[in-house]
């Protein structure tokens, strides 16, 4: 057995296992509004606890994990955690890609693992509607900003004559956001 190859393989496993745990923590940050609260400005775990009503001890561990993974930033001089502009856009901005919701999709898929495993045995499959609701909530939150951004400038004009008919209709909204109902 090649020791270097073994260590490389174990390193890959360790990274994947850590990422799986971090996915759960990103979902917790999404569900509890921790990213949005941190986007309000730099915070120590205590300050973030005041903003969110969550327990400081758990927030300390969450913030440390998120900083280690690069999802939040940390200022050693002040002891405060914060979101860079890019992190805030991807994690807290309703117009951003909401990447923490993508982890919600993955965890929702994993909840169906027993049924998917059975499908491997039987070949019966698992229909889209049979997934855990987190798959749908996550898809909505993650993909919505892209859909909203493309609806009016790209998709409607691609449909033959639809843009003209809509533009001629009384009350035609000029922004994509007006055409997409908000769920969350």
Foldseek 3Di string as FASTA:
>chain_A
DDPVVVVVVVVVVVVVVLVLVLLVLLLVCQVQVLLQLQAVDWDALVVSCVSRVDDSVVSNVSQVSCCVVVLWHADPVVNTIHHDPVSCQCPPDQLHQNVSLVSLLVVQVVVCVVVVVVCVVVVPDADPVRTDCSNVVSCCSRCVSVCQVQVPVPDQVVPPPRNVVLVPDPPRDDGSVVVDDDDD
